[in-house]
Protein backbone atom coordinates (compact mmCIF):
# COMPACT_ATOMS: atom_id res chain seq x y z
CA MET A 1 0.01 0.04 -0.22
CA ARG A 2 1.58 3.55 -0.98
CA MET A 3 0.80 6.05 1.62
CA MET A 4 1.23 9.91 -0.25
CA MET A 5 2.95 11.42 2.38
CA HIS A 6 2.13 15.16 0.51
CA GLN A 7 -1.98 14.04 1.87
CA PHE A 8 -0.67 15.94 4.94
CA GLY A 9 0.54 18.97 3.21
CA MET A 10 3.78 19.50 0.99
CA SER A 11 5.97 21.21 4.20
CA LEU A 12 5.38 18.72 7.01
CA GLY A 13 6.63 20.80 9.59
CA THR A 14 4.11 20.21 12.80
CA ARG A 15 3.75 17.91 15.69
CA ASP A 16 -0.38 18.29 14.89
CA THR A 17 -0.06 17.72 11.33
CA GLY A 18 2.06 14.58 12.61
CA ARG A 19 -0.41 13.45 14.83
CA LEU A 20 -2.73 13.39 12.02
CA ALA A 21 -0.41 10.97 9.84
CA LYS A 22 0.63 8.80 12.79
CA SER A 23 -2.84 8.03 13.58
CA LYS A 24 -3.48 6.96 9.90
CA ILE A 25 -0.69 5.03 9.56
CA ILE A 26 -1.31 2.91 12.94
CA GLU A 27 -4.79 2.55 11.64
CA ILE A 28 -3.07 0.58 8.43
CA LEU A 29 -0.74 -1.00 10.31
CA ASP A 30 -3.26 -2.38 12.95
CA ASN A 31 -5.73 -3.61 10.09
CA THR A 32 -3.79 -4.99 6.92
CA GLU A 33 -0.38 -7.01 6.80
CA GLU A 34 0.39 -5.30 3.68
CA LYS A 35 3.46 -3.27 3.69
CA ILE A 36 3.42 0.61 3.60
CA ILE A 37 5.58 2.41 1.15
CA PHE A 38 5.99 5.91 2.60
CA ASP A 39 6.13 8.04 -0.83
CA PHE A 40 7.24 11.64 -0.13
CA SER A 41 6.82 12.92 -4.01
CA HIS A 42 5.77 16.70 -3.91
CA VAL A 43 7.11 16.83 -0.27
CA SER A 44 9.53 19.76 0.22
CA VAL A 45 10.42 20.08 3.69
CA VAL A 46 10.02 17.25 6.59
CA SER A 47 11.07 18.92 10.22
CA ASN A 48 12.64 17.48 13.20
CA SER A 49 9.29 17.46 15.23
CA PHE A 50 7.05 15.92 12.11
CA ALA A 51 9.71 13.14 11.99
CA ASP A 52 9.35 12.17 15.62
CA GLU A 53 5.88 12.50 16.30
CA VAL A 54 5.17 10.06 13.41
CA PHE A 55 8.40 7.98 13.17
CA GLY A 56 10.22 8.59 15.83
CA LYS A 57 6.31 7.20 18.19
CA LEU A 58 5.86 4.73 15.37
CA ILE A 59 9.63 3.20 16.75
CA LEU A 60 8.06 3.13 20.37
CA GLU A 61 4.82 1.52 19.43
CA TYR A 62 5.68 -1.44 17.24
CA GLY A 63 9.68 -1.49 17.43
CA PHE A 64 11.99 -0.74 15.14
CA ASP A 65 12.75 -4.45 13.51
CA GLU A 66 8.57 -4.64 12.96
CA PHE A 67 8.18 -1.05 11.64
CA LYS A 68 11.43 -2.20 9.13
CA THR A 69 9.60 -5.04 7.91
CA ARG A 70 6.13 -3.32 7.28
CA THR A 71 7.29 -0.20 5.62
CA THR A 72 9.59 1.81 3.40
CA PHE A 73 10.33 5.31 2.06
CA THR A 74 10.70 5.86 -1.72
CA ASN A 75 10.89 9.62 -3.41
CA ILE A 76 12.14 11.30 0.07
CA ASN A 77 14.63 14.10 -0.19
CA ARG A 78 18.14 14.23 1.47
CA PHE A 79 17.22 16.12 4.14
CA ALA A 80 14.08 14.96 5.02
CA ALA A 81 15.66 11.39 5.00
CA ILE A 82 17.98 12.50 7.41
CA CYS A 83 15.40 14.14 9.60
CA ILE A 84 13.47 10.84 9.61
CA LYS A 85 16.49 8.76 10.46
CA LYS A 86 17.72 10.88 13.26
CA ALA A 87 14.32 10.70 14.70
CA ILE A 88 14.49 7.00 14.43
CA GLU A 89 17.75 6.94 16.12
CA ASN A 90 17.20 9.37 19.04
CA ARG A 91 14.04 7.01 20.03
CA ILE A 92 15.73 3.61 20.04
CA LYS A 93 18.49 5.51 21.93
CA ALA A 94 15.94 6.63 24.48
CA VAL A 95 14.55 3.26 24.95
CA GLN A 96 17.63 2.17 25.28
CA VAL A 97 18.22 3.81 28.51
């Protein structure tokens, strides 16, 4: 299943937007075994706040291994990828402490 991230905006910058995206993602993850492809076509900016609210917190809820198995990313710019990677790494570190 492809999730077009631009449905949440071309600039993904707030935790409020992140909460909306995360709730839709959780609904899909909880109701299907299908892999989610996060498609960032037409998204120019992903903030640290949005990345943490969505992807950092999904790691807490599902664990890194399950998240990695059930999701993938496509059409993502370098800056957005770095923000998301950092949010995931920070949440993993926080759990390990």
